[in-house]
């Protein structure tokens, strides 16, 4: 049986990413300049911030420089990011998988 009750660590990851999304990602994602048709640049500065938070290496083992997060924790983080900007979540998700290989 798969337990979906979040651990204290998973709740902390969720709350940290949720705050980041609320305070930094959402305001940038809904900026009028970014919402023009055919001109939706990637939020590169926020991608850098997410990388500094360790979100790109979250699922890597601690020996490899990551947090050693399990799949559920990674999903929680990506879901919270996607609530602010799906493009940012997709890049984090893809680069996290690529680095894990």
C-alpha atoms as a PDB file:
ATOM      1  CA  UNK A   1       0.000   0.000   0.000  1.00  0.00           C
ATOM      2  CA  UNK A   2       1.273   3.436  -0.921  1.00  0.00           C
ATOM      3  CA  UNK A   3       1.128   5.998   1.883  1.00  0.00           C
ATOM      4  CA  UNK A   4       0.120   9.470   0.682  1.00  0.00           C
ATOM      5  CA  UNK A   5       0.320  11.133   4.080  1.00  0.00           C
ATOM      6  CA  UNK A   6       3.046  13.746   3.775  1.00  0.00           C
ATOM      7  CA  UNK A   7       6.002  13.623   6.114  1.00  0.00           C
ATOM      8  CA  UNK A   8       7.228  16.690   7.972  1.00  0.00           C
ATOM      9  CA  UNK A   9      10.065  17.024   5.448  1.00  0.00           C
ATOM     10  CA  UNK A  10       7.663  16.831   2.487  1.00  0.00           C
ATOM     11  CA  UNK A  11       5.422  19.456   4.069  1.00  0.00           C
ATOM     12  CA  UNK A  12       8.451  21.696   4.548  1.00  0.00           C
ATOM     13  CA  UNK A  13       9.469  21.275   0.876  1.00  0.00           C
ATOM     14  CA  UNK A  14       5.889  22.019  -0.197  1.00  0.00           C
ATOM     15  CA  UNK A  15       5.588  25.125   1.956  1.00  0.00           C
ATOM     16  CA  UNK A  16       8.984  26.484   0.876  1.00  0.00           C
ATOM     17  CA  UNK A  17       8.202  26.046  -2.814  1.00  0.00           C
ATOM     18  CA  UNK A  18       4.674  27.385  -2.322  1.00  0.00           C
ATOM     19  CA  UNK A  19       6.093  30.580  -0.775  1.00  0.00           C
ATOM     20  CA  UNK A  20       8.615  30.917  -3.621  1.00  0.00           C
ATOM     21  CA  UNK A  21       5.836  30.531  -6.190  1.00  0.00           C
ATOM     22  CA  UNK A  22       3.501  32.964  -4.436  1.00  0.00           C
ATOM     23  CA  UNK A  23       6.127  35.657  -3.834  1.00  0.00           C
ATOM     24  CA  UNK A  24       8.333  35.388  -6.926  1.00  0.00           C
ATOM     25  CA  UNK A  25       6.965  33.154  -9.689  1.00  0.00           C
ATOM     26  CA  UNK A  26       3.316  34.241  -9.913  1.00  0.00           C
ATOM     27  CA  UNK A  27       4.019  37.996 -10.045  1.00  0.00           C
ATOM     28  CA  UNK A  28       6.526  37.466 -12.865  1.00  0.00           C
ATOM     29  CA  UNK A  29       4.366  34.919 -14.693  1.00  0.00           C
ATOM     30  CA  UNK A  30       1.353  37.222 -14.918  1.00  0.00           C
ATOM     31  CA  UNK A  31       3.274  40.367 -15.845  1.00  0.00           C
ATOM     32  CA  UNK A  32       1.505  41.916 -18.864  1.00  0.00           C
ATOM     33  CA  UNK A  33       4.682  41.955 -20.995  1.00  0.00           C
ATOM     34  CA  UNK A  34       4.981  38.191 -20.616  1.00  0.00           C
ATOM     35  CA  UNK A  35       1.386  37.527 -21.598  1.00  0.00           C
ATOM     36  CA  UNK A  36       1.642  38.931 -25.126  1.00  0.00           C
ATOM     37  CA  UNK A  37       0.894  36.386 -27.876  1.00  0.00           C
ATOM     38  CA  UNK A  38       3.915  34.502 -29.195  1.00  0.00           C
ATOM     39  CA  UNK A  39       6.255  36.259 -26.800  1.00  0.00           C
ATOM     40  CA  UNK A  40       6.401  34.224 -23.619  1.00  0.00           C
ATOM     41  CA  UNK A  41      10.007  34.143 -22.456  1.00  0.00           C
ATOM     42  CA  UNK A  42      11.183  31.610 -19.930  1.00  0.00           C
ATOM     43  CA  UNK A  43      11.577  33.124 -16.479  1.00  0.00           C
ATOM     44  CA  UNK A  44      15.338  32.543 -16.510  1.00  0.00           C
ATOM     45  CA  UNK A  45      16.062  34.533 -13.363  1.00  0.00           C
ATOM     46  CA  UNK A  46      13.502  32.491 -11.442  1.00  0.00           C
ATOM     47  CA  UNK A  47      14.946  29.310 -12.933  1.00  0.00           C
ATOM     48  CA  UNK A  48      18.295  30.377 -11.478  1.00  0.00           C
ATOM     49  CA  UNK A  49      16.652  31.049  -8.105  1.00  0.00           C
ATOM     50  CA  UNK A  50      14.979  27.626  -8.167  1.00  0.00           C
ATOM     51  CA  UNK A  51      18.336  26.045  -8.991  1.00  0.00           C
ATOM     52  CA  UNK A  52      19.973  27.837  -6.061  1.00  0.00           C
ATOM     53  CA  UNK A  53      17.167  26.469  -3.850  1.00  0.00           C
ATOM     54  CA  UNK A  54      18.257  22.989  -4.942  1.00  0.00           C
ATOM     55  CA  UNK A  55      15.114  22.172  -6.894  1.00  0.00           C
ATOM     56  CA  UNK A  56      17.012  20.953  -9.970  1.00  0.00           C
ATOM     57  CA  UNK A  57      19.023  18.469  -7.942  1.00  0.00           C
ATOM     58  CA  UNK A  58      16.280  17.524  -5.508  1.00  0.00           C
ATOM     59  CA  UNK A  59      16.058  13.876  -6.559  1.00  0.00           C
ATOM     60  CA  UNK A  60      19.805  13.308  -6.793  1.00  0.00           C
ATOM     61  CA  UNK A  61      21.410  11.383  -3.972  1.00  0.00           C
ATOM     62  CA  UNK A  62      23.106  13.373  -1.246  1.00  0.00           C
ATOM     63  CA  UNK A  63      26.449  11.923  -2.357  1.00  0.00           C
ATOM     64  CA  UNK A  64      25.836  13.428  -5.812  1.00  0.00           C
ATOM     65  CA  UNK A  65      24.981  16.845  -4.349  1.00  0.00           C
ATOM     66  CA  UNK A  66      21.201  16.524  -4.180  1.00  0.00           C
ATOM     67  CA  UNK A  67      18.674  16.118  -1.416  1.00  0.00           C
ATOM     68  CA  UNK A  68      17.891  12.468  -2.115  1.00  0.00           C
ATOM     69  CA  UNK A  69      14.173  13.247  -2.373  1.00  0.00           C
ATOM     70  CA  UNK A  70      11.742  10.487  -3.257  1.00  0.00           C
ATOM     71  CA  UNK A  71       9.341  10.568  -6.204  1.00  0.00           C
ATOM     72  CA  UNK A  72       6.402  11.863  -4.149  1.00  0.00           C
ATOM     73  CA  UNK A  73       8.437  14.815  -2.869  1.00  0.00           C
ATOM     74  CA  UNK A  74       9.588  15.611  -6.402  1.00  0.00           C
ATOM     75  CA  UNK A  75       5.971  15.516  -7.598  1.00  0.00           C
ATOM     76  CA  UNK A  76       4.887  17.835  -4.789  1.00  0.00           C
ATOM     77  CA  UNK A  77       7.593  20.337  -5.740  1.00  0.00           C
ATOM     78  CA  UNK A  78       6.736  20.222  -9.454  1.00  0.00           C
ATOM     79  CA  UNK A  79       3.021  20.594  -8.736  1.00  0.00           C
ATOM     80  CA  UNK A  80       3.643  23.686  -6.619  1.00  0.00           C
ATOM     81  CA  UNK A  81       5.888  25.181  -9.321  1.00  0.00           C
ATOM     82  CA  UNK A  82       3.325  24.443 -12.022  1.00  0.00           C
ATOM     83  CA  UNK A  83       0.687  26.349 -10.032  1.00  0.00           C
ATOM     84  CA  UNK A  84       2.790  29.448 -10.669  1.00  0.00           C
ATOM     85  CA  UNK A  85       4.267  28.758 -14.101  1.00  0.00           C
ATOM     86  CA  UNK A  86       4.028  25.470 -15.954  1.00  0.00           C
ATOM     87  CA  UNK A  87       7.027  26.308 -18.168  1.00  0.00           C
ATOM     88  CA  UNK A  88       9.262  26.723 -15.128  1.00  0.00           C
ATOM     89  CA  UNK A  89       8.005  23.443 -13.673  1.00  0.00           C
ATOM     90  CA  UNK A  90       8.596  21.637 -16.980  1.00  0.00           C
ATOM     91  CA  UNK A  91      12.190  22.849 -17.234  1.00  0.00           C
ATOM     92  CA  UNK A  92      12.913  21.935 -13.618  1.00  0.00           C
ATOM     93  CA  UNK A  93      11.305  18.519 -14.100  1.00  0.00           C
ATOM     94  CA  UNK A  94      13.173  17.774 -17.322  1.00  0.00           C
ATOM     95  CA  UNK A  95      16.558  18.932 -16.111  1.00  0.00           C
ATOM     96  CA  UNK A  96      16.136  17.083 -12.805  1.00  0.00           C
ATOM     97  CA  UNK A  97      15.501  13.842 -14.709  1.00  0.00           C
ATOM     98  CA  UNK A  98      18.388  14.504 -17.074  1.00  0.00           C
ATOM     99  CA  UNK A  99      20.784  15.092 -14.208  1.00  0.00           C
ATOM    100  CA  UNK A 100      19.674  11.940 -12.423  1.00  0.00           C
ATOM    101  CA  UNK A 101      20.714   9.697 -15.311  1.00  0.00           C
END
